[in-house]
PDB file of all heavy atoms in Angstrom:
ATOM      1  N   GLN A   1      -4.391   5.649 -42.442  1.00  0.00           N
ATOM      2  CA  GLN A   1      -4.174   6.546 -41.305  1.00  0.00           C
ATOM      3  C   GLN A   1      -5.184   6.252 -40.195  1.00  0.00           C
ATOM      4  O   GLN A   1      -4.834   6.260 -39.013  1.00  0.00           O
ATOM      5  CB  GLN A   1      -4.279   8.001 -41.744  1.00  0.00           C
ATOM      6  CG  GLN A   1      -3.084   8.486 -42.533  1.00  0.00           C
ATOM      7  CD  GLN A   1      -3.255   9.930 -43.003  1.00  0.00           C
ATOM      8  OE1 GLN A   1      -4.174  10.630 -42.582  1.00  0.00           O
ATOM      9  NE2 GLN A   1      -2.350  10.360 -43.873  1.00  0.00           N
ATOM     10  N   ASP A   2      -6.429   5.981 -40.585  1.00  0.00           N
ATOM     11  CA  ASP A   2      -7.464   5.632 -39.607  1.00  0.00           C
ATOM     12  C   ASP A   2      -7.086   4.345 -38.866  1.00  0.00           C
ATOM     13  O   ASP A   2      -7.253   4.245 -37.651  1.00  0.00           O
ATOM     14  CB  ASP A   2      -8.823   5.460 -40.277  1.00  0.00           C
ATOM     15  CG  ASP A   2      -9.399   6.766 -40.793  1.00  0.00           C
ATOM     16  OD1 ASP A   2      -8.895   7.848 -40.406  1.00  0.00           O
ATOM     17  OD2 ASP A   2     -10.345   6.708 -41.609  1.00  0.00           O
ATOM     18  N   TYR A   3      -6.585   3.371 -39.617  1.00  0.00           N
ATOM     19  CA  TYR A   3      -6.150   2.099 -39.011  1.00  0.00           C
ATOM     20  C   TYR A   3      -5.022   2.339 -38.012  1.00  0.00           C
ATOM     21  O   TYR A   3      -5.071   1.852 -36.885  1.00  0.00           O
ATOM     22  CB  TYR A   3      -5.697   1.125 -40.104  1.00  0.00           C
ATOM     23  CG  TYR A   3      -4.802   0.021 -39.609  1.00  0.00           C
ATOM     24  CD1 TYR A   3      -5.314  -1.025 -38.856  1.00  0.00           C
ATOM     25  CD2 TYR A   3      -3.434   0.040 -39.873  1.00  0.00           C
ATOM     26  CE1 TYR A   3      -4.487  -2.034 -38.377  1.00  0.00           C
ATOM     27  CE2 TYR A   3      -2.606  -0.966 -39.395  1.00  0.00           C
ATOM     28  CZ  TYR A   3      -3.132  -1.995 -38.660  1.00  0.00           C
ATOM     29  OH  TYR A   3      -2.307  -2.982 -38.191  1.00  0.00           O
ATOM     30  N   ARG A   4      -4.014   3.094 -38.415  1.00  0.00           N
ATOM     31  CA  ARG A   4      -2.873   3.356 -37.525  1.00  0.00           C
ATOM     32  C   ARG A   4      -3.308   4.126 -36.275  1.00  0.00           C
ATOM     33  O   ARG A   4      -2.847   3.845 -35.171  1.00  0.00           O
ATOM     34  CB  ARG A   4      -1.776   4.101 -38.287  1.00  0.00           C
ATOM     35  CG  ARG A   4      -1.098   3.218 -39.321  1.00  0.00           C
ATOM     36  CD  ARG A   4       0.046   3.918 -40.031  1.00  0.00           C
ATOM     37  NE  ARG A   4       0.564   3.071 -41.090  1.00  0.00           N
ATOM     38  CZ  ARG A   4       0.479   3.346 -42.383  1.00  0.00           C
ATOM     39  NH1 ARG A   4      -0.079   4.472 -42.800  1.00  0.00           N
ATOM     40  NH2 ARG A   4       0.968   2.503 -43.278  1.00  0.00           N
ATOM     41  N   ARG A   5      -4.197   5.093 -36.476  1.00  0.00           N
ATOM     42  CA  ARG A   5      -4.708   5.867 -35.340  1.00  0.00           C
ATOM     43  C   ARG A   5      -5.504   4.942 -34.402  1.00  0.00           C
ATOM     44  O   ARG A   5      -5.381   5.023 -33.187  1.00  0.00           O
ATOM     45  CB  ARG A   5      -5.565   7.029 -35.827  1.00  0.00           C
ATOM     46  CG  ARG A   5      -6.017   7.957 -34.718  1.00  0.00           C
ATOM     47  CD  ARG A   5      -6.722   9.233 -35.173  1.00  0.00           C
ATOM     48  NE  ARG A   5      -7.465   9.159 -36.414  1.00  0.00           N
ATOM     49  CZ  ARG A   5      -7.028   9.624 -37.601  1.00  0.00           C
ATOM     50  NH1 ARG A   5      -5.849  10.190 -37.703  1.00  0.00           N
ATOM     51  NH2 ARG A   5      -7.778   9.526 -38.677  1.00  0.00           N
ATOM     52  N   PHE A   6      -6.294   4.050 -34.987  1.00  0.00           N
ATOM     53  CA  PHE A   6      -7.076   3.104 -34.189  1.00  0.00           C
ATOM     54  C   PHE A   6      -6.161   2.232 -33.325  1.00  0.00           C
ATOM     55  O   PHE A   6      -6.383   2.085 -32.118  1.00  0.00           O
ATOM     56  CB  PHE A   6      -7.945   2.230 -35.104  1.00  0.00           C
ATOM     57  CG  PHE A   6      -8.533   1.036 -34.417  1.00  0.00           C
ATOM     58  CD1 PHE A   6      -9.514   1.172 -33.450  1.00  0.00           C
ATOM     59  CD2 PHE A   6      -8.096  -0.245 -34.732  1.00  0.00           C
ATOM     60  CE1 PHE A   6     -10.051   0.064 -32.805  1.00  0.00           C
ATOM     61  CE2 PHE A   6      -8.625  -1.353 -34.095  1.00  0.00           C
ATOM     62  CZ  PHE A   6      -9.603  -1.206 -33.135  1.00  0.00           C
ATOM     63  N   VAL A   7      -5.111   1.671 -33.923  1.00  0.00           N
ATOM     64  CA  VAL A   7      -4.183   0.808 -33.178  1.00  0.00           C
ATOM     65  C   VAL A   7      -3.490   1.604 -32.073  1.00  0.00           C
ATOM     66  O   VAL A   7      -3.391   1.150 -30.928  1.00  0.00           O
ATOM     67  CB  VAL A   7      -3.148   0.148 -34.129  1.00  0.00           C
ATOM     68  CG1 VAL A   7      -2.040  -0.535 -33.352  1.00  0.00           C
ATOM     69  CG2 VAL A   7      -3.842  -0.846 -35.052  1.00  0.00           C
ATOM     70  N   ARG A   8      -3.041   2.810 -32.413  1.00  0.00           N
ATOM     71  CA  ARG A   8      -2.360   3.665 -31.431  1.00  0.00           C
ATOM     72  C   ARG A   8      -3.313   4.041 -30.293  1.00  0.00           C
ATOM     73  O   ARG A   8      -2.962   3.952 -29.112  1.00  0.00           O
ATOM     74  CB  ARG A   8      -1.813   4.911 -32.127  1.00  0.00           C
ATOM     75  CG  ARG A   8      -0.974   5.807 -31.235  1.00  0.00           C
ATOM     76  CD  ARG A   8      -0.507   7.055 -31.946  1.00  0.00           C
ATOM     77  NE  ARG A   8      -1.639   7.864 -32.369  1.00  0.00           N
ATOM     78  CZ  ARG A   8      -1.930   8.168 -33.644  1.00  0.00           C
ATOM     79  NH1 ARG A   8      -1.173   7.764 -34.620  1.00  0.00           N
ATOM     80  NH2 ARG A   8      -2.995   8.895 -33.940  1.00  0.00           N
ATOM     81  N   ASP A   9      -4.540   4.457 -30.660  1.00  0.00           N
ATOM     82  CA  ASP A   9      -5.513   4.866 -29.645  1.00  0.00           C
ATOM     83  C   ASP A   9      -5.922   3.690 -28.755  1.00  0.00           C
ATOM     84  O   ASP A   9      -6.046   3.846 -27.542  1.00  0.00           O
ATOM     85  CB  ASP A   9      -6.763   5.463 -30.298  1.00  0.00           C
ATOM     86  CG  ASP A   9      -6.510   6.826 -30.916  1.00  0.00           C
ATOM     87  OD1 ASP A   9      -5.408   7.382 -30.730  1.00  0.00           O
ATOM     88  OD2 ASP A   9      -7.424   7.331 -31.618  1.00  0.00           O
ATOM     89  N   LYS A  10      -6.133   2.535 -29.362  1.00  0.00           N
ATOM     90  CA  LYS A  10      -6.532   1.349 -28.596  1.00  0.00           C
ATOM     91  C   LYS A  10      -5.468   1.037 -27.541  1.00  0.00           C
ATOM     92  O   LYS A  10      -5.786   0.814 -26.376  1.00  0.00           O
ATOM     93  CB  LYS A  10      -6.728   0.167 -29.543  1.00  0.00           C
ATOM     94  CG  LYS A  10      -7.257  -1.088 -28.885  1.00  0.00           C
ATOM     95  CD  LYS A  10      -7.567  -2.126 -29.957  1.00  0.00           C
ATOM     96  CE  LYS A  10      -8.181  -3.377 -29.412  1.00  0.00           C
ATOM     97  NZ  LYS A  10      -9.532  -3.228 -28.889  1.00  0.00           N
ATOM     98  N   THR A  11      -4.211   1.074 -27.953  1.00  0.00           N
ATOM     99  CA  THR A  11      -3.113   0.791 -27.040  1.00  0.00           C
ATOM    100  C   THR A  11      -3.029   1.849 -25.939  1.00  0.00           C
ATOM    101  O   THR A  11      -2.945   1.522 -24.750  1.00  0.00           O
ATOM    102  CB  THR A  11      -1.773   0.722 -27.815  1.00  0.00           C
ATOM    103  OG1 THR A  11      -1.885  -0.275 -28.828  1.00  0.00           O
ATOM    104  CG2 THR A  11      -0.618   0.394 -26.901  1.00  0.00           C
ATOM    105  N   SER A  12      -3.070   3.117 -26.324  1.00  0.00           N
ATOM    106  CA  SER A  12      -2.914   4.173 -25.313  1.00  0.00           C
ATOM    107  C   SER A  12      -4.112   4.213 -24.358  1.00  0.00           C
ATOM    108  O   SER A  12      -3.936   4.482 -23.164  1.00  0.00           O
ATOM    109  CB  SER A  12      -2.675   5.537 -25.964  1.00  0.00           C
ATOM    110  OG  SER A  12      -3.785   5.947 -26.692  1.00  0.00           O
ATOM    111  N   LEU A  13      -5.307   3.903 -24.845  1.00  0.00           N
ATOM    112  CA  LEU A  13      -6.473   3.881 -23.957  1.00  0.00           C
ATOM    113  C   LEU A  13      -6.375   2.729 -22.954  1.00  0.00           C
ATOM    114  O   LEU A  13      -6.758   2.891 -21.788  1.00  0.00           O
ATOM    115  CB  LEU A  13      -7.768   3.787 -24.765  1.00  0.00           C
ATOM    116  CG  LEU A  13      -8.177   5.074 -25.477  1.00  0.00           C
ATOM    117  CD1 LEU A  13      -9.293   4.814 -26.474  1.00  0.00           C
ATOM    118  CD2 LEU A  13      -8.595   6.144 -24.469  1.00  0.00           C
ATOM    119  N   LEU A  14      -5.866   1.592 -23.401  1.00  0.00           N
ATOM    120  CA  LEU A  14      -5.662   0.476 -22.466  1.00  0.00           C
ATOM    121  C   LEU A  14      -4.692   0.879 -21.364  1.00  0.00           C
ATOM    122  O   LEU A  14      -4.919   0.603 -20.180  1.00  0.00           O
ATOM    123  CB  LEU A  14      -5.118  -0.746 -23.210  1.00  0.00           C
ATOM    124  CG  LEU A  14      -6.115  -1.533 -24.052  1.00  0.00           C
ATOM    125  CD1 LEU A  14      -5.382  -2.526 -24.948  1.00  0.00           C
ATOM    126  CD2 LEU A  14      -7.109  -2.258 -23.164  1.00  0.00           C
ATOM    127  N   ILE A  15      -3.600   1.527 -21.758  1.00  0.00           N
ATOM    128  CA  ILE A  15      -2.593   1.966 -20.791  1.00  0.00           C
ATOM    129  C   ILE A  15      -3.187   2.990 -19.835  1.00  0.00           C
ATOM    130  O   ILE A  15      -3.000   2.906 -18.616  1.00  0.00           O
ATOM    131  CB  ILE A  15      -1.354   2.528 -21.527  1.00  0.00           C
ATOM    132  CG1 ILE A  15      -0.642   1.404 -22.275  1.00  0.00           C
ATOM    133  CG2 ILE A  15      -0.412   3.240 -20.560  1.00  0.00           C
ATOM    134  CD1 ILE A  15       0.409   1.868 -23.260  1.00  0.00           C
ATOM    135  N   GLU A  16      -3.920   3.938 -20.399  1.00  0.00           N
ATOM    136  CA  GLU A  16      -4.530   4.983 -19.568  1.00  0.00           C
ATOM    137  C   GLU A  16      -5.545   4.396 -18.586  1.00  0.00           C
ATOM    138  O   GLU A  16      -5.577   4.779 -17.410  1.00  0.00           O
ATOM    139  CB  GLU A  16      -5.207   6.012 -20.486  1.00  0.00           C
ATOM    140  CG  GLU A  16      -5.335   7.368 -19.872  1.00  0.00           C
ATOM    141  CD  GLU A  16      -5.802   8.419 -20.872  1.00  0.00           C
ATOM    142  OE1 GLU A  16      -5.610   8.239 -22.094  1.00  0.00           O
ATOM    143  OE2 GLU A  16      -6.369   9.416 -20.410  1.00  0.00           O
ATOM    144  N   GLN A  17      -6.355   3.449 -19.073  1.00  0.00           N
ATOM    145  CA  GLN A  17      -7.336   2.810 -18.196  1.00  0.00           C
ATOM    146  C   GLN A  17      -6.641   2.096 -17.041  1.00  0.00           C
ATOM    147  O   GLN A  17      -7.046   2.227 -15.882  1.00  0.00           O
ATOM    148  CB  GLN A  17      -8.174   1.781 -18.972  1.00  0.00           C
ATOM    149  CG  GLN A  17      -9.319   2.371 -19.746  1.00  0.00           C
ATOM    150  CD  GLN A  17     -10.061   1.292 -20.512  1.00  0.00           C
ATOM    151  OE1 GLN A  17      -9.623   0.878 -21.577  1.00  0.00           O
ATOM    152  NE2 GLN A  17     -11.166   0.833 -19.981  1.00  0.00           N
ATOM    153  N   LYS A  18      -5.606   1.336 -17.349  1.00  0.00           N
ATOM    154  CA  LYS A  18      -4.884   0.577 -16.316  1.00  0.00           C
ATOM    155  C   LYS A  18      -4.255   1.539 -15.304  1.00  0.00           C
ATOM    156  O   LYS A  18      -4.320   1.305 -14.091  1.00  0.00           O
ATOM    157  CB  LYS A  18      -3.825  -0.309 -16.971  1.00  0.00           C
ATOM    158  CG  LYS A  18      -3.057  -1.163 -16.006  1.00  0.00           C
ATOM    159  CD  LYS A  18      -3.937  -2.219 -15.378  1.00  0.00           C
ATOM    160  CE  LYS A  18      -3.118  -3.161 -14.520  1.00  0.00           C
ATOM    161  NZ  LYS A  18      -3.936  -4.102 -13.789  1.00  0.00           N
ATOM    162  N   ASP A  19      -3.669   2.619 -15.800  1.00  0.00           N
ATOM    163  CA  ASP A  19      -3.045   3.601 -14.918  1.00  0.00           C
ATOM    164  C   ASP A  19      -4.079   4.221 -13.979  1.00  0.00           C
ATOM    165  O   ASP A  19      -3.841   4.340 -12.772  1.00  0.00           O
ATOM    166  CB  ASP A  19      -2.343   4.680 -15.757  1.00  0.00           C
ATOM    167  CG  ASP A  19      -1.633   5.701 -14.888  1.00  0.00           C
ATOM    168  OD1 ASP A  19      -0.846   5.281 -14.010  1.00  0.00           O
ATOM    169  OD2 ASP A  19      -1.870   6.913 -15.076  1.00  0.00           O
ATOM    170  N   LEU A  20      -5.219   4.601 -14.528  1.00  0.00           N
ATOM    171  CA  LEU A  20      -6.271   5.187 -13.689  1.00  0.00           C
ATOM    172  C   LEU A  20      -6.777   4.180 -12.658  1.00  0.00           C
ATOM    173  O   LEU A  20      -7.006   4.542 -11.492  1.00  0.00           O
ATOM    174  CB  LEU A  20      -7.431   5.687 -14.559  1.00  0.00           C
ATOM    175  CG  LEU A  20      -7.181   7.006 -15.276  1.00  0.00           C
ATOM    176  CD1 LEU A  20      -8.252   7.269 -16.320  1.00  0.00           C
ATOM    177  CD2 LEU A  20      -7.113   8.153 -14.288  1.00  0.00           C
ATOM    178  N   GLU A  21      -6.960   2.922 -13.070  1.00  0.00           N
ATOM    179  CA  GLU A  21      -7.417   1.898 -12.132  1.00  0.00           C
ATOM    180  C   GLU A  21      -6.417   1.739 -10.982  1.00  0.00           C
ATOM    181  O   GLU A  21      -6.815   1.607  -9.827  1.00  0.00           O
ATOM    182  CB  GLU A  21      -7.618   0.556 -12.840  1.00  0.00           C
ATOM    183  CG  GLU A  21      -8.762   0.533 -13.844  1.00  0.00           C
ATOM    184  CD  GLU A  21     -10.124   0.835 -13.247  1.00  0.00           C
ATOM    185  OE1 GLU A  21     -10.361   0.500 -12.066  1.00  0.00           O
ATOM    186  OE2 GLU A  21     -10.951   1.426 -13.956  1.00  0.00           O
ATOM    187  N   GLU A  22      -5.122   1.749 -11.318  1.00  0.00           N
ATOM    188  CA  GLU A  22      -4.084   1.628 -10.286  1.00  0.00           C
ATOM    189  C   GLU A  22      -4.133   2.826  -9.333  1.00  0.00           C
ATOM    190  O   GLU A  22      -4.029   2.654  -8.116  1.00  0.00           O
ATOM    191  CB  GLU A  22      -2.699   1.533 -10.926  1.00  0.00           C
ATOM    192  CG  GLU A  22      -2.427   0.221 -11.616  1.00  0.00           C
ATOM    193  CD  GLU A  22      -2.256  -0.933 -10.654  1.00  0.00           C
ATOM    194  OE1 GLU A  22      -1.661  -0.754  -9.579  1.00  0.00           O
ATOM    195  OE2 GLU A  22      -2.740  -2.035 -10.994  1.00  0.00           O
ATOM    196  N   GLN A  23      -4.270   4.032  -9.885  1.00  0.00           N
ATOM    197  CA  GLN A  23      -4.317   5.227  -9.031  1.00  0.00           C
ATOM    198  C   GLN A  23      -5.551   5.210  -8.138  1.00  0.00           C
ATOM    199  O   GLN A  23      -5.468   5.541  -6.948  1.00  0.00           O
ATOM    200  CB  GLN A  23      -4.336   6.490  -9.900  1.00  0.00           C
ATOM    201  CG  GLN A  23      -3.016   6.813 -10.550  1.00  0.00           C
ATOM    202  CD  GLN A  23      -3.099   8.117 -11.315  1.00  0.00           C
ATOM    203  OE1 GLN A  23      -3.456   9.149 -10.754  1.00  0.00           O
ATOM    204  NE2 GLN A  23      -2.774   8.071 -12.598  1.00  0.00           N
ATOM    205  N   ILE A  24      -6.681   4.832  -8.717  1.00  0.00           N
ATOM    206  CA  ILE A  24      -7.921   4.770  -7.936  1.00  0.00           C
ATOM    207  C   ILE A  24      -7.768   3.767  -6.804  1.00  0.00           C
ATOM    208  O   ILE A  24      -8.115   4.049  -5.646  1.00  0.00           O
ATOM    209  CB  ILE A  24      -9.130   4.423  -8.845  1.00  0.00           C
ATOM    210  CG1 ILE A  24      -9.473   5.642  -9.720  1.00  0.00           C
ATOM    211  CG2 ILE A  24     -10.331   3.979  -8.020  1.00  0.00           C
ATOM    212  CD1 ILE A  24     -10.474   5.367 -10.823  1.00  0.00           C
ATOM    213  N   LYS A  25      -7.236   2.597  -7.125  1.00  0.00           N
ATOM    214  CA  LYS A  25      -7.034   1.563  -6.097  1.00  0.00           C
ATOM    215  C   LYS A  25      -6.122   2.091  -4.987  1.00  0.00           C
ATOM    216  O   LYS A  25      -6.414   1.913  -3.799  1.00  0.00           O
ATOM    217  CB  LYS A  25      -6.420   0.324  -6.757  1.00  0.00           C
ATOM    218  CG  LYS A  25      -6.261  -0.849  -5.849  1.00  0.00           C
ATOM    219  CD  LYS A  25      -5.721  -2.042  -6.627  1.00  0.00           C
ATOM    220  CE  LYS A  25      -5.467  -3.220  -5.722  1.00  0.00           C
ATOM    221  NZ  LYS A  25      -4.913  -4.358  -6.444  1.00  0.00           N
ATOM    222  N   PHE A  26      -5.035   2.756  -5.371  1.00  0.00           N
ATOM    223  CA  PHE A  26      -4.102   3.303  -4.394  1.00  0.00           C
ATOM    224  C   PHE A  26      -4.790   4.309  -3.467  1.00  0.00           C
ATOM    225  O   PHE A  26      -4.680   4.224  -2.237  1.00  0.00           O
ATOM    226  CB  PHE A  26      -2.913   3.960  -5.108  1.00  0.00           C
ATOM    227  CG  PHE A  26      -1.982   4.686  -4.194  1.00  0.00           C
ATOM    228  CD1 PHE A  26      -1.063   3.994  -3.419  1.00  0.00           C
ATOM    229  CD2 PHE A  26      -2.024   6.076  -4.093  1.00  0.00           C
ATOM    230  CE1 PHE A  26      -0.203   4.665  -2.553  1.00  0.00           C
ATOM    231  CE2 PHE A  26      -1.164   6.752  -3.243  1.00  0.00           C
ATOM    232  CZ  PHE A  26      -0.254   6.048  -2.471  1.00  0.00           C
ATOM    233  N   PHE A  27      -5.507   5.266  -4.057  1.00  0.00           N
ATOM    234  CA  PHE A  27      -6.150   6.302  -3.239  1.00  0.00           C
ATOM    235  C   PHE A  27      -7.290   5.726  -2.401  1.00  0.00           C
ATOM    236  O   PHE A  27      -7.530   6.181  -1.271  1.00  0.00           O
ATOM    237  CB  PHE A  27      -6.627   7.470  -4.101  1.00  0.00           C
ATOM    238  CG  PHE A  27      -5.518   8.401  -4.493  1.00  0.00           C
ATOM    239  CD1 PHE A  27      -5.056   8.435  -5.796  1.00  0.00           C
ATOM    240  CD2 PHE A  27      -4.910   9.234  -3.558  1.00  0.00           C
ATOM    241  CE1 PHE A  27      -4.017   9.277  -6.164  1.00  0.00           C
ATOM    242  CE2 PHE A  27      -3.873  10.078  -3.913  1.00  0.00           C
ATOM    243  CZ  PHE A  27      -3.422  10.104  -5.219  1.00  0.00           C
ATOM    244  N   GLU A  28      -8.013   4.732  -2.931  1.00  0.00           N
ATOM    245  CA  GLU A  28      -9.060   4.102  -2.126  1.00  0.00           C
ATOM    246  C   GLU A  28      -8.451   3.395  -0.912  1.00  0.00           C
ATOM    247  O   GLU A  28      -8.995   3.476   0.191  1.00  0.00           O
ATOM    248  CB  GLU A  28      -9.862   3.102  -2.981  1.00  0.00           C
ATOM    249  CG  GLU A  28     -10.821   3.773  -3.932  1.00  0.00           C
ATOM    250  CD  GLU A  28     -11.527   2.820  -4.874  1.00  0.00           C
ATOM    251  OE1 GLU A  28     -11.051   1.686  -5.085  1.00  0.00           O
ATOM    252  OE2 GLU A  28     -12.569   3.234  -5.431  1.00  0.00           O
ATOM    253  N   GLU A  29      -7.308   2.720  -1.117  1.00  0.00           N
ATOM    254  CA  GLU A  29      -6.629   2.068   0.008  1.00  0.00           C
ATOM    255  C   GLU A  29      -6.143   3.096   1.019  1.00  0.00           C
ATOM    256  O   GLU A  29      -6.271   2.887   2.238  1.00  0.00           O
ATOM    257  CB  GLU A  29      -5.450   1.227  -0.504  1.00  0.00           C
ATOM    258  CG  GLU A  29      -5.859  -0.034  -1.218  1.00  0.00           C
ATOM    259  CD  GLU A  29      -4.692  -0.744  -1.912  1.00  0.00           C
ATOM    260  OE1 GLU A  29      -3.541  -0.237  -1.861  1.00  0.00           O
ATOM    261  OE2 GLU A  29      -4.940  -1.808  -2.511  1.00  0.00           O
ATOM    262  N   GLN A  30      -5.587   4.197   0.515  1.00  0.00           N
ATOM    263  CA  GLN A  30      -5.115   5.256   1.416  1.00  0.00           C
ATOM    264  C   GLN A  30      -6.277   5.810   2.243  1.00  0.00           C
ATOM    265  O   GLN A  30      -6.151   5.993   3.462  1.00  0.00           O
ATOM    266  CB  GLN A  30      -4.461   6.397   0.615  1.00  0.00           C
ATOM    267  CG  GLN A  30      -3.196   6.004  -0.099  1.00  0.00           C
ATOM    268  CD  GLN A  30      -2.110   5.591   0.853  1.00  0.00           C
ATOM    269  OE1 GLN A  30      -1.811   6.284   1.812  1.00  0.00           O
ATOM    270  NE2 GLN A  30      -1.519   4.434   0.616  1.00  0.00           N
ATOM    271  N   LEU A  31      -7.382   6.072   1.574  1.00  0.00           N
ATOM    272  CA  LEU A  31      -8.559   6.619   2.259  1.00  0.00           C
ATOM    273  C   LEU A  31      -9.081   5.631   3.302  1.00  0.00           C
ATOM    274  O   LEU A  31      -9.375   6.020   4.440  1.00  0.00           O
ATOM    275  CB  LEU A  31      -9.649   6.950   1.232  1.00  0.00           C
ATOM    276  CG  LEU A  31     -10.932   7.575   1.770  1.00  0.00           C
ATOM    277  CD1 LEU A  31     -10.633   8.901   2.472  1.00  0.00           C
ATOM    278  CD2 LEU A  31     -11.923   7.793   0.636  1.00  0.00           C
ATOM    279  N   GLU A  32      -9.170   4.376   2.920  1.00  0.00           N
ATOM    280  CA  GLU A  32      -9.654   3.340   3.847  1.00  0.00           C
ATOM    281  C   GLU A  32      -8.742   3.239   5.074  1.00  0.00           C
ATOM    282  O   GLU A  32      -9.208   3.207   6.210  1.00  0.00           O
ATOM    283  CB  GLU A  32      -9.710   1.992   3.118  1.00  0.00           C
ATOM    284  CG  GLU A  32     -10.283   0.876   3.959  1.00  0.00           C
ATOM    285  CD  GLU A  32     -10.317  -0.453   3.194  1.00  0.00           C
ATOM    286  OE1 GLU A  32     -10.534  -0.423   1.975  1.00  0.00           O
ATOM    287  OE2 GLU A  32     -10.108  -1.487   3.847  1.00  0.00           O
TER     288      GLU A  32
END
């Protein structure tokens, strides 16, 4: 269960990080 949770969390954190980076980039461009 720990292994499965690790794989799931690793994947979802990568997705979340990428999404946040995209949003930050978008809002920084808008602000600029």
